[in-house]
Amino acid sequence: MGYEYAALLVDPDYHPAPTIDVAPSMGGSVVALRIVNGVGSLPDLPTVPLRFSGYDWKVRTTDSARGGLNNLYDADNVWTDKSGVLHLRISNKPKGWTCAQLILARSLGYGIYNFVVSDTARLDPGVVLSLHTHDQAAGDQHFREWDIEIGRWGRATSRENAQFGIQPFYVPGNLARFTEPPGTLTYSILWEPGRAEFKAYRGSSIQSGAHPFYEHTFTAGVPSPGQEHLEFMFYIVASEKGLRQKNTEVIIDEFEYLP
């Protein structure tokens, strides 16, 4: 069951992208377009509860096509250890490669979001760590999504291994890629009306007077709050050489929210 359905009458030369965020506009090869709303509501997906950094979260247990591949998700790939830090793992099981996703149980809205992430500079090119907001019911608002994403998106030779962005990424100016250095890093986002300020710092805290090694501010197309939830995803993407045959793990030491 979907939220919206689109029917298009097109010329024979029309070739759409495999996935798009919004329906194409009338004109050119698109002769006619009709969009209707779905009926009813989607059922809640089965999840497993988890506590991290003072918040209640839900661990995904069903598959998802984010990143261009239909990835499997397993609750065993998400846990906190005795020190309270969060582990996200990609593991090879009899059913195939399985990924990790954690969803905050409530919406937080505008404010400051801080994430302390252990060394992720040398991730396999075929995996991505994504820290983002997502509102499943707001497709017309590009799912109210802003993103911190760490990975090379399958390009093993790329020097840029991280990006800040707001959806949709195909809009010029909605994506800022950079090179993440080794070591523990702190990512900070100030999300406010019409503005999203992203900063990346070395170390496990933001000291007074500290200067970020990279920063970028978006002032156009910034989403407004709705029913979005913060999500952590560690998943597989299409890559030039395929995923190396080994389990991969990342650690998020802390999450902090300041209204």
C-alpha atoms as a PDB file:
ATOM      1  CA  MET A   1       0.000   0.000   0.000  1.00  0.00           C
ATOM      2  CA  GLY A   2       1.389   3.408  -0.974  1.00  0.00           C
ATOM      3  CA  TYR A   3       0.621   6.992  -0.050  1.00  0.00           C
ATOM      4  CA  GLU A   4       0.168   8.224  -3.626  1.00  0.00           C
ATOM      5  CA  TYR A   5      -0.066   6.581  -7.057  1.00  0.00           C
ATOM      6  CA  ALA A   6       0.756   8.161 -10.410  1.00  0.00           C
ATOM      7  CA  ALA A   7      -0.336   7.097 -13.909  1.00  0.00           C
ATOM      8  CA  LEU A   8       1.486   8.584 -16.898  1.00  0.00           C
ATOM      9  CA  LEU A   9       0.791   8.626 -20.626  1.00  0.00           C
ATOM     10  CA  VAL A  10       4.159   9.030 -22.323  1.00  0.00           C
ATOM     11  CA  ASP A  11       5.825   8.985 -25.722  1.00  0.00           C
ATOM     12  CA  PRO A  12       7.835   5.864 -26.705  1.00  0.00           C
ATOM     13  CA  ASP A  13      11.103   7.731 -26.130  1.00  0.00           C
ATOM     14  CA  TYR A  14      10.376   8.410 -22.443  1.00  0.00           C
ATOM     15  CA  HIS A  15      12.923   6.748 -20.127  1.00  0.00           C
ATOM     16  CA  PRO A  16      12.425   7.546 -16.415  1.00  0.00           C
ATOM     17  CA  ALA A  17      15.072   7.160 -13.726  1.00  0.00           C
ATOM     18  CA  PRO A  18      14.824   3.920 -11.676  1.00  0.00           C
ATOM     19  CA  THR A  19      13.700   5.915  -8.621  1.00  0.00           C
ATOM     20  CA  ILE A  20      12.471   9.511  -8.251  1.00  0.00           C
ATOM     21  CA  ASP A  21      11.258  11.548  -5.275  1.00  0.00           C
ATOM     22  CA  VAL A  22       8.391  13.322  -7.065  1.00  0.00           C
ATOM     23  CA  ALA A  23       6.305  12.582 -10.150  1.00  0.00           C
ATOM     24  CA  PRO A  24       7.482  14.141 -13.443  1.00  0.00           C
ATOM     25  CA  SER A  25       5.774  17.255 -14.742  1.00  0.00           C
ATOM     26  CA  MET A  26       3.580  17.480 -17.820  1.00  0.00           C
ATOM     27  CA  GLY A  27       5.355  18.407 -21.015  1.00  0.00           C
ATOM     28  CA  GLY A  28       7.909  16.948 -23.382  1.00  0.00           C
ATOM     29  CA  SER A  29       7.536  13.170 -23.469  1.00  0.00           C
ATOM     30  CA  VAL A  30       4.945  13.202 -20.661  1.00  0.00           C
ATOM     31  CA  VAL A  31       1.599  13.624 -22.434  1.00  0.00           C
ATOM     32  CA  ALA A  32      -0.753  13.132 -19.475  1.00  0.00           C
ATOM     33  CA  LEU A  33      -0.423  12.672 -15.722  1.00  0.00           C
ATOM     34  CA  ARG A  34      -2.866  11.656 -12.990  1.00  0.00           C
ATOM     35  CA  ILE A  35      -2.016  11.347  -9.283  1.00  0.00           C
ATOM     36  CA  VAL A  36      -4.385   9.841  -6.706  1.00  0.00           C
ATOM     37  CA  ASN A  37      -4.030   9.311  -2.967  1.00  0.00           C
ATOM     38  CA  GLY A  38      -3.816   5.839  -1.477  1.00  0.00           C
ATOM     39  CA  VAL A  39      -6.657   4.569   0.693  1.00  0.00           C
ATOM     40  CA  GLY A  40      -6.219   3.559   4.323  1.00  0.00           C
ATOM     41  CA  SER A  41      -3.024   3.645   6.344  1.00  0.00           C
ATOM     42  CA  LEU A  42       0.147   1.603   6.362  1.00  0.00           C
ATOM     43  CA  PRO A  43       0.519  -0.891   9.223  1.00  0.00           C
ATOM     44  CA  ASP A  44       3.278  -0.348  11.757  1.00  0.00           C
ATOM     45  CA  LEU A  45       6.368  -2.363  10.886  1.00  0.00           C
ATOM     46  CA  PRO A  46       7.652  -4.847  13.483  1.00  0.00           C
ATOM     47  CA  THR A  47      10.515  -3.374  15.508  1.00  0.00           C
ATOM     48  CA  VAL A  48      12.581  -4.150  18.610  1.00  0.00           C
ATOM     49  CA  PRO A  49      12.917  -1.530  21.393  1.00  0.00           C
ATOM     50  CA  LEU A  50      16.309  -0.172  22.450  1.00  0.00           C
ATOM     51  CA  ARG A  51      17.525   2.553  24.833  1.00  0.00           C
ATOM     52  CA  PHE A  52      20.441   4.788  23.807  1.00  0.00           C
ATOM     53  CA  SER A  53      21.699   8.168  25.064  1.00  0.00           C
ATOM     54  CA  GLY A  54      18.620   8.639  27.230  1.00  0.00           C
ATOM     55  CA  TYR A  55      16.110   8.097  24.402  1.00  0.00           C
ATOM     56  CA  ASP A  56      13.817   5.285  23.335  1.00  0.00           C
ATOM     57  CA  TRP A  57      14.501   3.875  19.859  1.00  0.00           C
ATOM     58  CA  LYS A  58      13.077   1.203  17.560  1.00  0.00           C
ATOM     59  CA  VAL A  59      15.283  -1.291  15.706  1.00  0.00           C
ATOM     60  CA  ARG A  60      14.152  -2.137  12.171  1.00  0.00           C
ATOM     61  CA  THR A  61      13.622  -5.815  11.330  1.00  0.00           C
ATOM     62  CA  THR A  62      12.189  -5.627   7.781  1.00  0.00           C
ATOM     63  CA  ASP A  63      13.819  -5.001   4.410  1.00  0.00           C
ATOM     64  CA  SER A  64      14.222  -1.605   2.716  1.00  0.00           C
ATOM     65  CA  ALA A  65      15.322  -0.368  -0.708  1.00  0.00           C
ATOM     66  CA  ARG A  66      17.154   2.759   0.459  1.00  0.00           C
ATOM     67  CA  GLY A  67      20.417   3.253  -1.393  1.00  0.00           C
ATOM     68  CA  GLY A  68      19.277   1.470  -4.544  1.00  0.00           C
ATOM     69  CA  LEU A  69      19.485  -2.081  -3.163  1.00  0.00           C
ATOM     70  CA  ASN A  70      16.844  -4.122  -1.361  1.00  0.00           C
ATOM     71  CA  ASN A  71      18.672  -4.562   1.942  1.00  0.00           C
ATOM     72  CA  LEU A  72      17.715  -6.925   4.745  1.00  0.00           C
ATOM     73  CA  TYR A  73      17.728  -5.599   8.322  1.00  0.00           C
ATOM     74  CA  ASP A  74      18.364  -7.685  11.423  1.00  0.00           C
ATOM     75  CA  ALA A  75      17.839  -6.643  15.063  1.00  0.00           C
ATOM     76  CA  ASP A  76      21.009  -8.545  16.040  1.00  0.00           C
ATOM     77  CA  ASN A  77      23.005  -5.885  14.176  1.00  0.00           C
ATOM     78  CA  VAL A  78      22.081  -3.119  16.654  1.00  0.00           C
ATOM     79  CA  TRP A  79      23.042  -3.091  20.341  1.00  0.00           C
ATOM     80  CA  THR A  80      24.540  -1.028  23.163  1.00  0.00           C
ATOM     81  CA  ASP A  81      27.438  -2.324  25.239  1.00  0.00           C
ATOM     82  CA  LYS A  82      28.170  -1.953  28.976  1.00  0.00           C
ATOM     83  CA  SER A  83      29.583   1.531  28.460  1.00  0.00           C
ATOM     84  CA  GLY A  84      26.381   2.645  26.722  1.00  0.00           C
ATOM     85  CA  VAL A  85      27.769   3.234  23.234  1.00  0.00           C
ATOM     86  CA  LEU A  86      25.789   2.148  20.183  1.00  0.00           C
ATOM     87  CA  HIS A  87      27.038  -0.518  17.766  1.00  0.00           C
ATOM     88  CA  LEU A  88      25.691  -0.819  14.212  1.00  0.00           C
ATOM     89  CA  ARG A  89      26.816  -3.803  12.157  1.00  0.00           C
ATOM     90  CA  ILE A  90      26.532  -5.228   8.662  1.00  0.00           C
ATOM     91  CA  SER A  91      26.827  -9.004   8.896  1.00  0.00           C
ATOM     92  CA  ASN A  92      26.713 -11.950   6.527  1.00  0.00           C
ATOM     93  CA  LYS A  93      24.098 -14.488   7.636  1.00  0.00           C
ATOM     94  CA  PRO A  94      22.613 -17.579   5.951  1.00  0.00           C
ATOM     95  CA  LYS A  95      19.839 -15.409   4.484  1.00  0.00           C
ATOM     96  CA  GLY A  96      22.424 -12.995   3.044  1.00  0.00           C
ATOM     97  CA  TRP A  97      23.970  -9.671   4.012  1.00  0.00           C
ATOM     98  CA  THR A  98      21.992  -7.902   6.741  1.00  0.00           C
ATOM     99  CA  CYS A  99      22.110  -4.230   7.731  1.00  0.00           C
ATOM    100  CA  ALA A 100      21.231  -2.028  10.720  1.00  0.00           C
ATOM    101  CA  GLN A 101      18.656   0.712  11.259  1.00  0.00           C
ATOM    102  CA  LEU A 102      17.591   2.534  14.418  1.00  0.00           C
ATOM    103  CA  ILE A 103      14.612   4.926  14.561  1.00  0.00           C
ATOM    104  CA  LEU A 104      13.971   7.447  17.334  1.00  0.00           C
ATOM    105  CA  ALA A 105      10.590   6.760  18.924  1.00  0.00           C
ATOM    106  CA  ARG A 106       9.470  10.417  18.808  1.00  0.00           C
ATOM    107  CA  SER A 107       9.916  13.550  16.750  1.00  0.00           C
ATOM    108  CA  LEU A 108      12.211  16.280  18.102  1.00  0.00           C
ATOM    109  CA  GLY A 109      11.809  19.121  15.585  1.00  0.00           C
ATOM    110  CA  TYR A 110      14.002  22.210  15.398  1.00  0.00           C
ATOM    111  CA  GLY A 111      17.092  22.364  17.595  1.00  0.00           C
ATOM    112  CA  ILE A 112      20.717  21.271  17.819  1.00  0.00           C
ATOM    113  CA  TYR A 113      21.597  17.640  17.065  1.00  0.00           C
ATOM    114  CA  ASN A 114      25.049  16.396  18.103  1.00  0.00           C
ATOM    115  CA  PHE A 115      26.506  12.998  17.177  1.00  0.00           C
ATOM    116  CA  VAL A 116      29.808  11.546  18.399  1.00  0.00           C
ATOM    117  CA  VAL A 117      31.012   8.908  15.925  1.00  0.00           C
ATOM    118  CA  SER A 118      34.078   6.672  16.251  1.00  0.00           C
ATOM    119  CA  ASP A 119      36.519   6.355  13.344  1.00  0.00           C
ATOM    120  CA  THR A 120      34.620   5.766  10.079  1.00  0.00           C
ATOM    121  CA  ALA A 121      37.141   7.172   7.597  1.00  0.00           C
ATOM    122  CA  ARG A 122      38.070   3.747   6.207  1.00  0.00           C
ATOM    123  CA  LEU A 123      34.684   2.159   5.653  1.00  0.00           C
ATOM    124  CA  ASP A 124      34.272  -0.358   2.855  1.00  0.00           C
ATOM    125  CA  PRO A 125      33.304   1.584  -0.311  1.00  0.00           C
ATOM    126  CA  GLY A 126      30.142  -0.518  -0.544  1.00  0.00           C
ATOM    127  CA  VAL A 127      28.606   0.642   2.755  1.00  0.00           C
ATOM    128  CA  VAL A 128      27.169   3.937   4.029  1.00  0.00           C
ATOM    129  CA  LEU A 129      26.415   5.263   7.513  1.00  0.00           C
ATOM    130  CA  SER A 130      23.502   7.704   7.402  1.00  0.00           C
ATOM    131  CA  LEU A 131      22.270   9.932  10.231  1.00  0.00           C
ATOM    132  CA  HIS A 132      19.102  11.628   9.015  1.00  0.00           C
ATOM    133  CA  THR A 133      15.528  12.694   9.634  1.00  0.00           C
ATOM    134  CA  HIS A 134      12.646  11.039   7.785  1.00  0.00           C
ATOM    135  CA  ASP A 135       8.872  11.555   7.686  1.00  0.00           C
ATOM    136  CA  GLN A 136       7.373   8.611   5.808  1.00  0.00           C
ATOM    137  CA  ALA A 137       4.053  10.412   5.268  1.00  0.00           C
ATOM    138  CA  ALA A 138       5.577  13.587   3.788  1.00  0.00           C
ATOM    139  CA  GLY A 139       6.597  12.581   0.279  1.00  0.00           C
ATOM    140  CA  ASP A 140       5.411  15.952  -1.006  1.00  0.00           C
ATOM    141  CA  GLN A 141       7.914  17.563   1.409  1.00  0.00           C
ATOM    142  CA  HIS A 142      10.761  15.261   0.330  1.00  0.00           C
ATOM    143  CA  PHE A 143      10.184  13.347   3.580  1.00  0.00           C
ATOM    144  CA  ARG A 144      11.436  16.326   5.654  1.00  0.00           C
ATOM    145  CA  GLU A 145      14.906  14.879   5.325  1.00  0.00           C
ATOM    146  CA  TRP A 146      18.310  16.276   6.128  1.00  0.00           C
ATOM    147  CA  ASP A 147      21.344  13.985   6.092  1.00  0.00           C
ATOM    148  CA  ILE A 148      24.817  13.327   7.396  1.00  0.00           C
ATOM    149  CA  GLU A 149      26.157  10.461   5.287  1.00  0.00           C
ATOM    150  CA  ILE A 150      29.538   8.796   5.610  1.00  0.00           C
ATOM    151  CA  GLY A 151      30.757   6.591   2.771  1.00  0.00           C
ATOM    152  CA  ARG A 152      32.104   6.562  -0.766  1.00  0.00           C
ATOM    153  CA  TRP A 153      28.847   5.354  -2.367  1.00  0.00           C
ATOM    154  CA  GLY A 154      30.585   2.461  -4.109  1.00  0.00           C
ATOM    155  CA  ARG A 155      33.418   4.539  -5.583  1.00  0.00           C
ATOM    156  CA  ALA A 156      36.555   2.971  -4.129  1.00  0.00           C
ATOM    157  CA  THR A 157      38.924   5.649  -5.474  1.00  0.00           C
ATOM    158  CA  SER A 158      36.905   8.652  -4.299  1.00  0.00           C
ATOM    159  CA  ARG A 159      38.724  10.892  -1.815  1.00  0.00           C
ATOM    160  CA  GLU A 160      35.441  12.383  -0.636  1.00  0.00           C
ATOM    161  CA  ASN A 161      33.939  10.027   1.914  1.00  0.00           C
ATOM    162  CA  ALA A 162      31.239  12.106   3.628  1.00  0.00           C
ATOM    163  CA  GLN A 163      28.455  14.528   2.762  1.00  0.00           C
ATOM    164  CA  PHE A 164      25.907  16.899   4.265  1.00  0.00           C
ATOM    165  CA  GLY A 165      22.624  17.311   2.445  1.00  0.00           C
ATOM    166  CA  ILE A 166      18.933  18.053   2.317  1.00  0.00           C
ATOM    167  CA  GLN A 167      16.556  16.207   0.035  1.00  0.00           C
ATOM    168  CA  PRO A 168      16.200  16.051  -2.898  1.00  0.00           C
ATOM    169  CA  PHE A 169      19.890  15.575  -3.666  1.00  0.00           C
ATOM    170  CA  TYR A 170      19.412  16.158  -7.393  1.00  0.00           C
ATOM    171  CA  VAL A 171      18.701  19.861  -6.774  1.00  0.00           C
ATOM    172  CA  PRO A 172      21.897  21.908  -7.270  1.00  0.00           C
ATOM    173  CA  GLY A 173      23.180  23.173  -3.944  1.00  0.00           C
ATOM    174  CA  ASN A 174      21.463  20.507  -1.824  1.00  0.00           C
ATOM    175  CA  LEU A 175      24.601  18.415  -1.312  1.00  0.00           C
ATOM    176  CA  ALA A 176      28.017  19.261   0.136  1.00  0.00           C
ATOM    177  CA  ARG A 177      30.674  16.512  -0.079  1.00  0.00           C
ATOM    178  CA  PHE A 178      33.955  16.546   1.841  1.00  0.00           C
ATOM    179  CA  THR A 179      36.778  14.330   3.121  1.00  0.00           C
ATOM    180  CA  GLU A 180      36.375  12.954   6.629  1.00  0.00           C
ATOM    181  CA  PRO A 181      39.658  12.426   8.531  1.00  0.00           C
ATOM    182  CA  PRO A 182      40.426   9.389  10.725  1.00  0.00           C
ATOM    183  CA  GLY A 183      39.571   9.388  14.416  1.00  0.00           C
ATOM    184  CA  THR A 184      36.559  10.127  16.590  1.00  0.00           C
ATOM    185  CA  LEU A 185      34.477  13.020  15.250  1.00  0.00           C
ATOM    186  CA  THR A 186      31.552  15.110  16.446  1.00  0.00           C
ATOM    187  CA  TYR A 187      28.901  16.163  13.948  1.00  0.00           C
ATOM    188  CA  SER A 188      26.549  19.004  14.845  1.00  0.00           C
ATOM    189  CA  ILE A 189      23.433  20.306  13.107  1.00  0.00           C
ATOM    190  CA  LEU A 190      21.574  23.480  14.012  1.00  0.00           C
ATOM    191  CA  TRP A 191      18.124  23.096  12.434  1.00  0.00           C
ATOM    192  CA  GLU A 192      15.926  26.185  12.514  1.00  0.00           C
ATOM    193  CA  PRO A 193      13.309  27.818  10.254  1.00  0.00           C
ATOM    194  CA  GLY A 194      14.780  28.232   6.760  1.00  0.00           C
ATOM    195  CA  ARG A 195      18.283  27.248   7.838  1.00  0.00           C
ATOM    196  CA  ALA A 196      20.299  24.077   8.508  1.00  0.00           C
ATOM    197  CA  GLU A 197      23.875  24.586   9.687  1.00  0.00           C
ATOM    198  CA  PHE A 198      26.110  21.493   9.535  1.00  0.00           C
ATOM    199  CA  LYS A 199      29.514  21.325  11.262  1.00  0.00           C
ATOM    200  CA  ALA A 200      32.118  18.595  11.770  1.00  0.00           C
ATOM    201  CA  TYR A 201      34.700  18.671  14.575  1.00  0.00           C
ATOM    202  CA  ARG A 202      37.627  16.489  15.551  1.00  0.00           C
ATOM    203  CA  GLY A 203      37.259  14.757  18.904  1.00  0.00           C
ATOM    204  CA  SER A 204      34.441  13.543  21.108  1.00  0.00           C
ATOM    205  CA  SER A 205      33.138  16.936  22.234  1.00  0.00           C
ATOM    206  CA  ILE A 206      32.771  20.508  21.037  1.00  0.00           C
ATOM    207  CA  GLN A 207      35.067  22.644  23.154  1.00  0.00           C
ATOM    208  CA  SER A 208      34.481  26.354  23.653  1.00  0.00           C
ATOM    209  CA  GLY A 209      36.089  28.201  20.755  1.00  0.00           C
ATOM    210  CA  ALA A 210      36.637  25.020  18.723  1.00  0.00           C
ATOM    211  CA  HIS A 211      36.729  25.402  14.958  1.00  0.00           C
ATOM    212  CA  PRO A 212      35.105  22.781  12.700  1.00  0.00           C
ATOM    213  CA  PHE A 213      37.272  21.113  10.080  1.00  0.00           C
ATOM    214  CA  TYR A 214      34.304  21.343   7.714  1.00  0.00           C
ATOM    215  CA  GLU A 215      31.002  23.235   7.750  1.00  0.00           C
ATOM    216  CA  HIS A 216      28.180  24.030   5.380  1.00  0.00           C
ATOM    217  CA  THR A 217      24.907  25.943   5.757  1.00  0.00           C
ATOM    218  CA  PHE A 218      21.758  25.371   3.690  1.00  0.00           C
ATOM    219  CA  THR A 219      19.245  28.225   3.436  1.00  0.00           C
ATOM    220  CA  ALA A 220      17.062  27.055   0.524  1.00  0.00           C
ATOM    221  CA  GLY A 221      14.723  24.067   0.581  1.00  0.00           C
ATOM    222  CA  VAL A 222      15.307  23.413   4.289  1.00  0.00           C
ATOM    223  CA  PRO A 223      12.508  21.151   5.599  1.00  0.00           C
ATOM    224  CA  SER A 224      10.149  22.191   8.359  1.00  0.00           C
ATOM    225  CA  PRO A 225       9.261  19.819  11.224  1.00  0.00           C
ATOM    226  CA  GLY A 226       6.283  17.492  10.996  1.00  0.00           C
ATOM    227  CA  GLN A 227       6.214  13.846  12.020  1.00  0.00           C
ATOM    228  CA  GLU A 228       9.850  13.226  11.124  1.00  0.00           C
ATOM    229  CA  HIS A 229      11.975  10.881  13.213  1.00  0.00           C
ATOM    230  CA  LEU A 230      15.735  10.741  13.537  1.00  0.00           C
ATOM    231  CA  GLU A 231      17.193   7.564  12.034  1.00  0.00           C
ATOM    232  CA  PHE A 232      20.598   5.872  12.050  1.00  0.00           C
ATOM    233  CA  MET A 233      21.188   3.545   9.096  1.00  0.00           C
ATOM    234  CA  PHE A 234      24.209   1.410   8.253  1.00  0.00           C
ATOM    235  CA  TYR A 235      23.555  -0.246   4.921  1.00  0.00           C
ATOM    236  CA  ILE A 236      24.916  -1.591   1.639  1.00  0.00           C
ATOM    237  CA  VAL A 237      24.967   0.364  -1.628  1.00  0.00           C
ATOM    238  CA  ALA A 238      25.807  -0.628  -5.185  1.00  0.00           C
ATOM    239  CA  SER A 239      29.586  -0.573  -5.642  1.00  0.00           C
ATOM    240  CA  GLU A 240      32.152  -1.051  -8.384  1.00  0.00           C
ATOM    241  CA  LYS A 241      33.714  -4.182  -6.870  1.00  0.00           C
ATOM    242  CA  GLY A 242      30.952  -5.426  -4.586  1.00  0.00           C
ATOM    243  CA  LEU A 243      31.057  -5.708  -0.815  1.00  0.00           C
ATOM    244  CA  ARG A 244      34.165  -7.264   0.673  1.00  0.00           C
ATOM    245  CA  GLN A 245      33.424 -10.563   2.346  1.00  0.00           C
ATOM    246  CA  LYS A 246      33.688  -9.469   5.977  1.00  0.00           C
ATOM    247  CA  ASN A 247      31.428  -8.093   8.667  1.00  0.00           C
ATOM    248  CA  THR A 248      31.601  -4.327   9.187  1.00  0.00           C
ATOM    249  CA  GLU A 249      30.789  -2.325  12.315  1.00  0.00           C
ATOM    250  CA  VAL A 250      30.524   1.343  13.310  1.00  0.00           C
ATOM    251  CA  ILE A 251      30.158   2.872  16.763  1.00  0.00           C
ATOM    252  CA  ILE A 252      28.138   5.933  17.735  1.00  0.00           C
ATOM    253  CA  ASP A 253      29.357   7.000  21.159  1.00  0.00           C
ATOM    254  CA  GLU A 254      26.677   9.554  21.939  1.00  0.00           C
ATOM    255  CA  PHE A 255      23.650  11.444  20.660  1.00  0.00           C
ATOM    256  CA  GLU A 256      22.609  14.776  22.161  1.00  0.00           C
ATOM    257  CA  TYR A 257      19.638  17.018  21.383  1.00  0.00           C
ATOM    258  CA  LEU A 258      19.297  20.632  22.544  1.00  0.00           C
ATOM    259  CA  PRO A 259      15.953  22.351  21.857  1.00  0.00           C
END
